[in-house]
């Protein structure tokens, strides 16, 4: 009986951890320092994640692409969630992962920008959009599928990671962000 209870407790404690860890790509670890990157925003201004981390605020990273259908559902859910004053100190960064048609040196970047601008307008995106044309940041965050969401704690550690989107995923992100608030 004692062994059965111990086994049940072990399953209850370890299974959720293993289920969550299964979603993490190699090289990422919850509680470890979040990978930093340098990208440009849509106005071609430099953005360094390392500088933003010094602000000591939670950061929500949302990797997306204009062709990604689930991204078009996730982004409005984040926009609605972040209208709540409880999230005034959260910094959200939408990171556009370069279009598959944009070849390095091809000049296709301008076509990307018009697609990004259209999506920004269509979805009412009000937060900073960074352009990851060559997937540098996306790869640092294990980039395999879109959308991909990461939450960075105020201390600069990775607090949450998830790839894909199902309605209700934003509630998990909401709870995590609320737990990170002072």
N, C-alpha and C. Protein backbone atom coordinates (compact mmCIF):
# COMPACT_ATOMS: atom_id res chain seq x y z
N UNK A 1 0.82 -1.20 0.00
CA UNK A 1 0.00 0.00 0.00
C UNK A 1 0.87 1.26 0.00
N UNK A 2 1.89 1.24 0.86
CA UNK A 2 2.79 2.39 0.94
C UNK A 2 3.52 2.59 -0.39
N UNK A 3 3.89 1.48 -1.02
CA UNK A 3 4.58 1.55 -2.30
C UNK A 3 3.64 2.09 -3.39
N UNK A 4 2.38 1.70 -3.34
CA UNK A 4 1.40 2.18 -4.32
C UNK A 4 1.19 3.69 -4.18
N UNK A 5 1.12 4.18 -2.95
CA UNK A 5 0.94 5.62 -2.72
C UNK A 5 2.18 6.37 -3.18
N UNK A 6 3.34 5.84 -2.89
CA UNK A 6 4.59 6.47 -3.34
C UNK A 6 4.65 6.52 -4.86
N UNK A 7 4.26 5.44 -5.51
CA UNK A 7 4.26 5.40 -6.97
C UNK A 7 3.27 6.41 -7.55
N UNK A 8 2.09 6.51 -6.93
CA UNK A 8 1.09 7.46 -7.40
C UNK A 8 1.59 8.89 -7.25
N UNK A 9 2.19 9.20 -6.11
CA UNK A 9 2.75 10.54 -5.91
C UNK A 9 3.85 10.83 -6.92
N UNK A 10 4.69 9.86 -7.18
CA UNK A 10 5.75 10.03 -8.16
C UNK A 10 5.17 10.32 -9.55
N UNK A 11 4.13 9.60 -9.92
CA UNK A 11 3.48 9.82 -11.22
C UNK A 11 2.89 11.22 -11.28
N UNK A 12 2.21 11.64 -10.20
CA UNK A 12 1.58 12.95 -10.19
C UNK A 12 2.60 14.09 -10.26
N UNK A 13 3.74 13.88 -9.65
CA UNK A 13 4.77 14.92 -9.64
C UNK A 13 5.60 14.90 -10.92
N UNK A 14 6.01 13.73 -11.34
CA UNK A 14 6.92 13.62 -12.48
C UNK A 14 6.20 13.74 -13.81
N UNK A 15 5.01 13.19 -13.96
CA UNK A 15 4.35 13.23 -15.26
C UNK A 15 4.14 14.64 -15.78
N UNK A 16 3.58 15.56 -14.98
CA UNK A 16 3.43 16.92 -15.53
C UNK A 16 4.76 17.53 -15.93
N UNK A 17 5.81 17.28 -15.16
CA UNK A 17 7.12 17.83 -15.52
C UNK A 17 7.60 17.24 -16.84
N UNK A 18 7.46 15.93 -16.97
CA UNK A 18 7.92 15.29 -18.20
C UNK A 18 7.06 15.71 -19.39
N UNK A 19 5.76 15.86 -19.17
CA UNK A 19 4.89 16.28 -20.26
C UNK A 19 5.27 17.67 -20.73
N UNK A 20 5.59 18.55 -19.78
CA UNK A 20 5.98 19.91 -20.14
C UNK A 20 7.36 19.91 -20.78
N UNK A 21 8.28 19.14 -20.25
CA UNK A 21 9.63 19.10 -20.78
C UNK A 21 9.64 18.55 -22.20
N UNK A 22 8.67 17.69 -22.54
CA UNK A 22 8.62 17.13 -23.88
C UNK A 22 8.42 18.21 -24.93
N UNK A 23 7.81 19.32 -24.53
CA UNK A 23 7.56 20.42 -25.44
C UNK A 23 8.81 21.28 -25.67
N UNK A 24 9.79 21.14 -24.78
CA UNK A 24 11.00 21.96 -24.88
C UNK A 24 11.97 21.39 -25.90
N UNK A 25 12.46 22.22 -26.80
CA UNK A 25 13.48 21.75 -27.73
C UNK A 25 14.83 21.64 -27.01
N UNK A 26 15.73 20.89 -27.62
CA UNK A 26 17.08 20.77 -27.06
C UNK A 26 17.70 22.14 -26.88
N UNK A 27 18.38 22.32 -25.75
CA UNK A 27 19.07 23.58 -25.49
C UNK A 27 18.27 24.59 -24.70
N UNK A 28 16.96 24.36 -24.53
CA UNK A 28 16.14 25.26 -23.72
C UNK A 28 15.76 24.55 -22.43
N UNK A 29 15.76 25.32 -21.36
CA UNK A 29 15.41 24.74 -20.06
C UNK A 29 14.67 25.78 -19.24
N UNK A 30 13.52 25.37 -18.72
CA UNK A 30 12.76 26.26 -17.84
C UNK A 30 13.64 26.57 -16.62
N UNK A 31 13.74 27.85 -16.28
CA UNK A 31 14.55 28.27 -15.15
C UNK A 31 15.97 28.65 -15.53
N UNK A 32 16.37 28.34 -16.75
CA UNK A 32 17.71 28.71 -17.23
C UNK A 32 17.64 30.08 -17.91
N UNK A 33 18.80 30.69 -18.08
CA UNK A 33 18.84 32.00 -18.75
C UNK A 33 18.22 31.90 -20.15
N UNK A 34 17.37 32.86 -20.45
CA UNK A 34 16.72 32.89 -21.76
C UNK A 34 17.74 33.31 -22.82
N UNK A 35 17.71 32.67 -23.99
CA UNK A 35 18.63 33.08 -25.06
C UNK A 35 18.35 34.52 -25.48
N UNK A 36 19.40 35.27 -25.72
CA UNK A 36 19.24 36.65 -26.17
C UNK A 36 19.48 36.73 -27.68
N UNK A 37 19.06 37.83 -28.26
CA UNK A 37 19.22 38.03 -29.70
C UNK A 37 19.18 39.51 -30.02
N UNK A 38 19.56 39.81 -31.23
CA UNK A 38 19.51 41.16 -31.78
C UNK A 38 18.70 41.07 -33.07
N UNK A 39 17.67 41.91 -33.19
CA UNK A 39 16.86 41.97 -34.40
C UNK A 39 16.53 43.43 -34.69
N UNK A 40 15.93 43.66 -35.83
CA UNK A 40 15.45 44.99 -36.21
C UNK A 40 13.93 44.99 -36.12
N UNK A 41 13.37 46.17 -35.76
CA UNK A 41 11.93 46.29 -35.78
C UNK A 41 11.50 46.72 -37.19
N UNK A 42 10.22 46.97 -37.37
CA UNK A 42 9.72 47.30 -38.71
C UNK A 42 10.18 48.66 -39.20
N UNK A 43 10.63 49.51 -38.28
CA UNK A 43 11.19 50.81 -38.66
C UNK A 43 12.70 50.74 -38.84
N UNK A 44 13.21 49.52 -38.85
CA UNK A 44 14.65 49.24 -39.00
C UNK A 44 15.48 49.81 -37.84
N UNK A 45 14.87 49.83 -36.66
CA UNK A 45 15.57 50.23 -35.44
C UNK A 45 16.08 48.96 -34.75
N UNK A 46 17.28 49.05 -34.19
CA UNK A 46 17.88 47.91 -33.51
C UNK A 46 17.15 47.58 -32.22
N UNK A 47 17.01 46.29 -31.97
CA UNK A 47 16.44 45.82 -30.72
C UNK A 47 17.34 44.72 -30.17
N UNK A 48 17.78 44.90 -28.93
CA UNK A 48 18.60 43.92 -28.24
C UNK A 48 17.79 43.35 -27.09
N UNK A 49 17.51 42.06 -27.10
CA UNK A 49 16.77 41.46 -25.99
C UNK A 49 17.53 41.64 -24.68
N UNK A 50 18.86 41.59 -24.73
CA UNK A 50 19.65 41.74 -23.50
C UNK A 50 19.37 43.07 -22.81
N UNK A 51 19.12 44.12 -23.58
CA UNK A 51 18.78 45.42 -22.99
C UNK A 51 17.39 45.40 -22.36
N UNK A 52 16.45 44.77 -23.04
CA UNK A 52 15.08 44.69 -22.52
C UNK A 52 15.04 43.88 -21.21
N UNK A 53 15.89 42.87 -21.11
CA UNK A 53 15.93 42.05 -19.90
C UNK A 53 16.36 42.87 -18.68
N UNK A 54 17.15 43.90 -18.91
CA UNK A 54 17.63 44.74 -17.80
C UNK A 54 16.50 45.54 -17.16
N UNK A 55 15.37 45.66 -17.85
CA UNK A 55 14.21 46.39 -17.30
C UNK A 55 13.56 45.61 -16.16
N UNK A 56 13.83 44.31 -16.07
CA UNK A 56 13.29 43.50 -14.98
C UNK A 56 11.79 43.28 -15.05
N UNK A 57 11.25 43.21 -16.27
CA UNK A 57 9.81 42.98 -16.45
C UNK A 57 9.62 41.66 -17.20
N UNK A 58 8.46 41.03 -17.01
CA UNK A 58 8.19 39.82 -17.79
C UNK A 58 8.11 40.17 -19.28
N UNK A 59 8.59 39.26 -20.10
CA UNK A 59 8.56 39.45 -21.55
C UNK A 59 7.88 38.25 -22.19
N UNK A 60 6.94 38.54 -23.06
CA UNK A 60 6.24 37.51 -23.83
C UNK A 60 6.76 37.57 -25.25
N UNK A 61 7.35 36.48 -25.72
CA UNK A 61 7.81 36.38 -27.10
C UNK A 61 6.78 35.57 -27.87
N UNK A 62 6.33 36.09 -28.99
CA UNK A 62 5.39 35.38 -29.84
C UNK A 62 5.96 35.32 -31.25
N UNK A 63 6.48 34.15 -31.62
CA UNK A 63 7.03 33.95 -32.96
C UNK A 63 5.87 33.59 -33.89
N UNK A 64 5.78 34.28 -35.02
CA UNK A 64 4.67 34.07 -35.94
C UNK A 64 5.13 34.32 -37.37
N UNK A 65 4.24 34.01 -38.32
CA UNK A 65 4.45 34.34 -39.73
C UNK A 65 3.09 34.72 -40.32
N UNK A 66 3.11 35.50 -41.38
CA UNK A 66 1.85 35.97 -41.96
C UNK A 66 1.03 34.83 -42.57
N UNK A 67 1.68 33.75 -43.00
CA UNK A 67 0.99 32.63 -43.62
C UNK A 67 0.45 31.63 -42.60
N UNK A 68 0.77 31.82 -41.32
CA UNK A 68 0.44 30.86 -40.26
C UNK A 68 -1.00 31.08 -39.77
N UNK A 69 -1.88 30.14 -40.07
CA UNK A 69 -3.29 30.27 -39.68
C UNK A 69 -3.47 30.28 -38.16
N UNK A 70 -2.84 29.37 -37.39
CA UNK A 70 -3.00 29.44 -35.94
C UNK A 70 -2.47 30.75 -35.34
N UNK A 71 -1.45 31.33 -35.97
CA UNK A 71 -0.91 32.62 -35.49
C UNK A 71 -1.98 33.70 -35.56
N UNK A 72 -2.82 33.63 -36.58
CA UNK A 72 -3.87 34.63 -36.77
C UNK A 72 -4.98 34.50 -35.72
N UNK A 73 -4.98 33.38 -35.00
CA UNK A 73 -5.91 33.20 -33.88
C UNK A 73 -5.24 33.57 -32.56
N UNK A 74 -3.97 33.22 -32.43
CA UNK A 74 -3.26 33.47 -31.18
C UNK A 74 -3.02 34.96 -30.94
N UNK A 75 -2.62 35.68 -31.96
CA UNK A 75 -2.27 37.11 -31.79
C UNK A 75 -3.45 37.92 -31.25
N UNK A 76 -4.65 37.81 -31.82
CA UNK A 76 -5.77 38.58 -31.23
C UNK A 76 -6.07 38.16 -29.79
N UNK A 77 -5.85 36.89 -29.46
CA UNK A 77 -6.07 36.44 -28.08
C UNK A 77 -5.07 37.12 -27.15
N UNK A 78 -3.81 37.25 -27.56
CA UNK A 78 -2.81 37.95 -26.75
C UNK A 78 -3.14 39.44 -26.67
N UNK A 79 -3.54 40.02 -27.78
CA UNK A 79 -3.90 41.45 -27.77
C UNK A 79 -5.03 41.71 -26.77
N UNK A 80 -6.05 40.87 -26.78
CA UNK A 80 -7.18 41.03 -25.86
C UNK A 80 -6.73 40.84 -24.42
N UNK A 81 -5.92 39.82 -24.17
CA UNK A 81 -5.44 39.55 -22.82
C UNK A 81 -4.63 40.72 -22.28
N UNK A 82 -3.80 41.30 -23.11
CA UNK A 82 -2.90 42.35 -22.65
C UNK A 82 -3.57 43.72 -22.51
N UNK A 83 -4.85 43.80 -22.84
CA UNK A 83 -5.60 45.04 -22.60
C UNK A 83 -5.88 45.23 -21.11
N UNK A 84 -5.83 44.13 -20.36
CA UNK A 84 -6.05 44.16 -18.91
C UNK A 84 -4.91 44.93 -18.25
N UNK A 85 -5.27 45.88 -17.38
CA UNK A 85 -4.27 46.70 -16.69
C UNK A 85 -3.29 45.88 -15.86
N UNK A 86 -3.67 44.67 -15.49
CA UNK A 86 -2.78 43.81 -14.71
C UNK A 86 -1.50 43.49 -15.48
N UNK A 87 -1.55 43.65 -16.81
CA UNK A 87 -0.39 43.32 -17.65
C UNK A 87 0.35 44.55 -18.15
N UNK A 88 0.14 45.67 -17.49
CA UNK A 88 0.77 46.93 -17.93
C UNK A 88 2.29 46.83 -17.95
N UNK A 89 2.87 46.02 -17.08
CA UNK A 89 4.33 45.90 -17.02
C UNK A 89 4.89 44.76 -17.87
N UNK A 90 4.04 44.08 -18.60
CA UNK A 90 4.50 42.99 -19.46
C UNK A 90 4.91 43.57 -20.80
N UNK A 91 6.04 43.13 -21.28
CA UNK A 91 6.49 43.55 -22.61
C UNK A 91 6.23 42.40 -23.57
N UNK A 92 5.48 42.66 -24.62
CA UNK A 92 5.25 41.62 -25.63
C UNK A 92 6.04 41.97 -26.87
N UNK A 93 6.68 40.97 -27.42
CA UNK A 93 7.44 41.12 -28.66
C UNK A 93 6.91 40.12 -29.66
N UNK A 94 6.32 40.63 -30.71
CA UNK A 94 5.93 39.77 -31.82
C UNK A 94 7.16 39.63 -32.70
N UNK A 95 7.53 38.41 -32.99
CA UNK A 95 8.72 38.18 -33.79
C UNK A 95 8.30 37.48 -35.08
N UNK A 96 8.31 38.26 -36.14
CA UNK A 96 7.93 37.73 -37.44
C UNK A 96 9.08 36.90 -38.00
N UNK A 97 8.79 35.64 -38.26
CA UNK A 97 9.78 34.73 -38.83
C UNK A 97 9.68 34.87 -40.34
N UNK A 98 10.79 35.24 -40.97
CA UNK A 98 10.81 35.55 -42.41
C UNK A 98 10.02 34.59 -43.26
N UNK A 99 9.40 35.14 -44.26
CA UNK A 99 8.58 34.35 -45.18
C UNK A 99 9.43 33.32 -45.92
N UNK A 100 8.86 32.17 -46.24
CA UNK A 100 9.63 31.16 -46.96
C UNK A 100 10.07 31.62 -48.34
N UNK A 101 9.40 32.64 -48.89
CA UNK A 101 9.78 33.15 -50.21
C UNK A 101 10.94 34.14 -50.14
N UNK A 102 11.27 34.61 -48.95
CA UNK A 102 12.34 35.62 -48.81
C UNK A 102 13.69 34.93 -48.78
N UNK A 103 14.38 34.96 -49.87
CA UNK A 103 15.71 34.36 -49.98
C UNK A 103 16.76 35.42 -49.64
N UNK A 104 17.79 35.04 -48.87
CA UNK A 104 18.85 36.01 -48.57
C UNK A 104 19.39 36.66 -49.84
N UNK A 105 19.42 37.99 -49.82
CA UNK A 105 19.96 38.73 -50.95
C UNK A 105 19.03 38.84 -52.14
N UNK A 106 17.79 38.37 -52.02
CA UNK A 106 16.88 38.38 -53.16
C UNK A 106 16.11 39.68 -53.30
N UNK A 107 16.09 40.49 -52.24
CA UNK A 107 15.30 41.72 -52.29
C UNK A 107 13.84 41.49 -51.95
N UNK A 108 13.49 40.25 -51.53
CA UNK A 108 12.11 39.94 -51.19
C UNK A 108 11.67 40.54 -49.85
N UNK A 109 12.57 41.15 -49.11
CA UNK A 109 12.24 41.70 -47.81
C UNK A 109 11.14 42.74 -47.87
N UNK A 110 11.10 43.54 -48.95
CA UNK A 110 10.05 44.56 -49.07
C UNK A 110 8.68 43.91 -49.21
N UNK A 111 8.61 42.77 -49.91
CA UNK A 111 7.35 42.05 -50.03
C UNK A 111 6.92 41.56 -48.65
N UNK A 112 7.88 41.06 -47.85
CA UNK A 112 7.59 40.64 -46.48
C UNK A 112 6.98 41.80 -45.70
N UNK A 113 7.57 42.97 -45.81
CA UNK A 113 7.12 44.12 -45.03
C UNK A 113 5.68 44.48 -45.35
N UNK A 114 5.28 44.40 -46.61
CA UNK A 114 3.90 44.73 -46.95
C UNK A 114 2.94 43.69 -46.36
N UNK A 115 3.35 42.42 -46.35
CA UNK A 115 2.52 41.37 -45.75
C UNK A 115 2.42 41.56 -44.23
N UNK A 116 3.53 41.92 -43.61
CA UNK A 116 3.55 42.15 -42.17
C UNK A 116 2.67 43.34 -41.82
N UNK A 117 2.80 44.43 -42.57
CA UNK A 117 1.98 45.63 -42.32
C UNK A 117 0.49 45.31 -42.45
N UNK A 118 0.15 44.52 -43.46
CA UNK A 118 -1.26 44.15 -43.66
C UNK A 118 -1.77 43.32 -42.48
N UNK A 119 -0.97 42.34 -42.04
CA UNK A 119 -1.38 41.51 -40.91
C UNK A 119 -1.49 42.35 -39.64
N UNK A 120 -0.55 43.26 -39.45
CA UNK A 120 -0.57 44.15 -38.27
C UNK A 120 -1.88 44.93 -38.25
N UNK A 121 -2.27 45.46 -39.38
CA UNK A 121 -3.51 46.22 -39.49
C UNK A 121 -4.73 45.31 -39.31
N UNK A 122 -4.75 44.19 -40.01
CA UNK A 122 -5.89 43.27 -39.94
C UNK A 122 -6.16 42.76 -38.53
N UNK A 123 -5.08 42.48 -37.78
CA UNK A 123 -5.23 41.87 -36.46
C UNK A 123 -5.15 42.89 -35.31
N UNK A 124 -4.92 44.15 -35.65
CA UNK A 124 -4.84 45.17 -34.61
C UNK A 124 -3.66 44.98 -33.67
N UNK A 125 -2.53 44.60 -34.23
CA UNK A 125 -1.32 44.36 -33.43
C UNK A 125 -0.78 45.69 -32.93
N UNK A 126 -0.70 45.84 -31.61
CA UNK A 126 -0.32 47.13 -31.03
C UNK A 126 1.06 47.10 -30.36
N UNK A 127 1.71 45.97 -30.37
CA UNK A 127 3.00 45.84 -29.69
C UNK A 127 4.13 45.73 -30.71
N UNK A 128 5.34 45.86 -30.20
CA UNK A 128 6.52 45.87 -31.05
C UNK A 128 6.63 44.60 -31.90
N UNK A 129 6.89 44.79 -33.19
CA UNK A 129 7.11 43.67 -34.10
C UNK A 129 8.57 43.70 -34.52
N UNK A 130 9.23 42.57 -34.33
CA UNK A 130 10.62 42.41 -34.76
C UNK A 130 10.65 41.49 -35.96
N UNK A 131 11.63 41.70 -36.82
CA UNK A 131 11.72 40.96 -38.07
C UNK A 131 12.90 40.00 -38.01
N UNK A 132 12.60 38.71 -37.98
CA UNK A 132 13.62 37.66 -37.91
C UNK A 132 13.73 36.97 -39.27
N UNK A 133 14.16 37.73 -40.25
CA UNK A 133 14.19 37.26 -41.64
C UNK A 133 14.97 35.97 -41.82
N UNK A 134 16.07 35.84 -41.12
CA UNK A 134 16.93 34.66 -41.30
C UNK A 134 16.76 33.63 -40.17
N UNK A 135 15.72 33.78 -39.38
CA UNK A 135 15.34 32.83 -38.33
C UNK A 135 16.38 32.69 -37.23
N UNK A 136 17.16 33.72 -36.98
CA UNK A 136 18.21 33.67 -35.97
C UNK A 136 17.61 33.48 -34.57
N UNK A 137 16.69 34.36 -34.19
CA UNK A 137 16.06 34.25 -32.86
C UNK A 137 15.19 33.00 -32.78
N UNK A 138 14.47 32.72 -33.85
CA UNK A 138 13.59 31.55 -33.88
C UNK A 138 14.39 30.27 -33.61
N UNK A 139 15.55 30.15 -34.22
CA UNK A 139 16.40 28.97 -34.00
C UNK A 139 16.90 28.91 -32.56
N UNK A 140 17.22 30.07 -31.98
CA UNK A 140 17.68 30.09 -30.58
C UNK A 140 16.58 29.59 -29.64
N UNK A 141 15.34 29.75 -30.06
CA UNK A 141 14.21 29.28 -29.26
C UNK A 141 13.66 27.97 -29.81
N UNK A 142 14.52 27.20 -30.47
CA UNK A 142 14.17 25.86 -30.92
C UNK A 142 13.24 25.80 -32.10
N UNK A 143 13.14 26.89 -32.84
CA UNK A 143 12.19 27.07 -33.92
C UNK A 143 11.93 25.88 -34.81
N UNK A 144 10.77 25.29 -34.60
CA UNK A 144 10.33 24.19 -35.46
C UNK A 144 8.95 24.47 -36.00
N UNK A 145 8.04 24.91 -35.14
CA UNK A 145 6.67 25.15 -35.57
C UNK A 145 6.19 26.53 -35.15
N UNK A 146 5.14 26.97 -35.82
CA UNK A 146 4.55 28.27 -35.50
C UNK A 146 3.08 28.08 -35.16
N UNK A 147 2.57 28.90 -34.28
CA UNK A 147 3.28 29.90 -33.50
C UNK A 147 4.10 29.23 -32.39
N UNK A 148 5.08 29.95 -31.91
CA UNK A 148 5.86 29.53 -30.75
C UNK A 148 5.84 30.68 -29.75
N UNK A 149 5.57 30.33 -28.50
CA UNK A 149 5.48 31.33 -27.44
C UNK A 149 6.50 31.01 -26.36
N UNK A 150 7.16 32.04 -25.88
CA UNK A 150 8.06 31.91 -24.73
C UNK A 150 7.79 33.06 -23.79
N UNK A 151 7.86 32.78 -22.51
CA UNK A 151 7.73 33.81 -21.48
C UNK A 151 9.04 33.86 -20.72
N UNK A 152 9.57 35.06 -20.61
CA UNK A 152 10.82 35.28 -19.88
C UNK A 152 10.46 36.00 -18.58
N UNK A 153 10.94 35.44 -17.47
CA UNK A 153 10.69 36.02 -16.14
C UNK A 153 11.49 37.31 -15.97
N UNK A 154 11.10 38.14 -15.00
CA UNK A 154 11.84 39.39 -14.77
C UNK A 154 13.33 39.19 -14.48
N UNK A 155 13.70 38.01 -13.98
CA UNK A 155 15.12 37.74 -13.71
C UNK A 155 15.88 37.25 -14.93
N UNK A 156 15.21 37.21 -16.10
CA UNK A 156 15.87 36.82 -17.34
C UNK A 156 15.88 35.33 -17.62
N UNK A 157 15.16 34.56 -16.83
CA UNK A 157 15.11 33.11 -17.05
C UNK A 157 13.85 32.74 -17.84
N UNK A 158 13.94 31.63 -18.53
CA UNK A 158 12.81 31.14 -19.30
C UNK A 158 11.77 30.56 -18.33
N UNK A 159 10.56 31.09 -18.38
CA UNK A 159 9.50 30.66 -17.47
C UNK A 159 8.48 29.75 -18.15
N UNK A 160 8.37 29.84 -19.48
CA UNK A 160 7.35 29.07 -20.20
C UNK A 160 7.77 28.97 -21.66
N UNK A 161 7.41 27.85 -22.27
CA UNK A 161 7.67 27.64 -23.69
C UNK A 161 6.57 26.74 -24.24
N UNK A 162 6.08 27.10 -25.42
CA UNK A 162 5.07 26.26 -26.07
C UNK A 162 5.09 26.52 -27.57
N UNK A 163 4.95 25.46 -28.33
CA UNK A 163 4.86 25.57 -29.79
C UNK A 163 3.48 25.10 -30.21
N UNK A 164 2.85 25.85 -31.09
CA UNK A 164 1.50 25.53 -31.54
C UNK A 164 0.48 26.41 -30.83
N UNK A 165 -0.78 26.29 -31.24
CA UNK A 165 -1.83 27.07 -30.60
C UNK A 165 -3.15 26.32 -30.66
N UNK A 166 -3.79 26.27 -29.52
CA UNK A 166 -5.15 25.79 -29.38
C UNK A 166 -5.89 26.85 -28.58
N UNK A 167 -7.16 27.11 -28.88
CA UNK A 167 -7.90 28.08 -28.08
C UNK A 167 -7.78 27.72 -26.59
N UNK A 168 -7.49 28.70 -25.79
CA UNK A 168 -7.29 28.48 -24.35
C UNK A 168 -5.83 28.50 -23.95
N UNK A 169 -4.91 28.34 -24.90
CA UNK A 169 -3.48 28.41 -24.58
C UNK A 169 -3.13 29.75 -23.93
N UNK A 170 -3.80 30.80 -24.37
CA UNK A 170 -3.50 32.13 -23.82
C UNK A 170 -3.83 32.20 -22.32
N UNK A 171 -4.73 31.34 -21.85
CA UNK A 171 -5.04 31.32 -20.41
C UNK A 171 -3.86 30.79 -19.60
N UNK A 172 -3.13 29.80 -20.16
CA UNK A 172 -1.92 29.31 -19.50
C UNK A 172 -0.90 30.44 -19.41
N UNK A 173 -0.74 31.16 -20.51
CA UNK A 173 0.22 32.27 -20.54
C UNK A 173 -0.22 33.35 -19.56
N UNK A 174 -1.51 33.62 -19.50
CA UNK A 174 -2.05 34.62 -18.58
C UNK A 174 -1.69 34.28 -17.13
N UNK A 175 -1.92 33.01 -16.74
CA UNK A 175 -1.63 32.58 -15.36
C UNK A 175 -0.14 32.70 -15.07
N UNK A 176 0.70 32.32 -16.01
CA UNK A 176 2.15 32.39 -15.80
C UNK A 176 2.59 33.84 -15.64
N UNK A 177 2.08 34.72 -16.50
CA UNK A 177 2.44 36.14 -16.40
C UNK A 177 1.97 36.73 -15.08
N UNK A 178 0.77 36.39 -14.65
CA UNK A 178 0.27 36.90 -13.37
C UNK A 178 1.14 36.42 -12.20
N UNK A 179 1.60 35.19 -12.29
CA UNK A 179 2.50 34.66 -11.24
C UNK A 179 3.84 35.37 -11.22
N UNK A 180 4.25 35.94 -12.36
CA UNK A 180 5.54 36.62 -12.44
C UNK A 180 5.47 38.08 -12.00
N UNK A 181 4.25 38.59 -11.83
CA UNK A 181 4.09 39.99 -11.45
C UNK A 181 4.46 40.19 -9.99
N UNK A 182 5.04 41.37 -9.69
CA UNK A 182 5.41 41.63 -8.28
C UNK A 182 4.20 41.78 -7.39
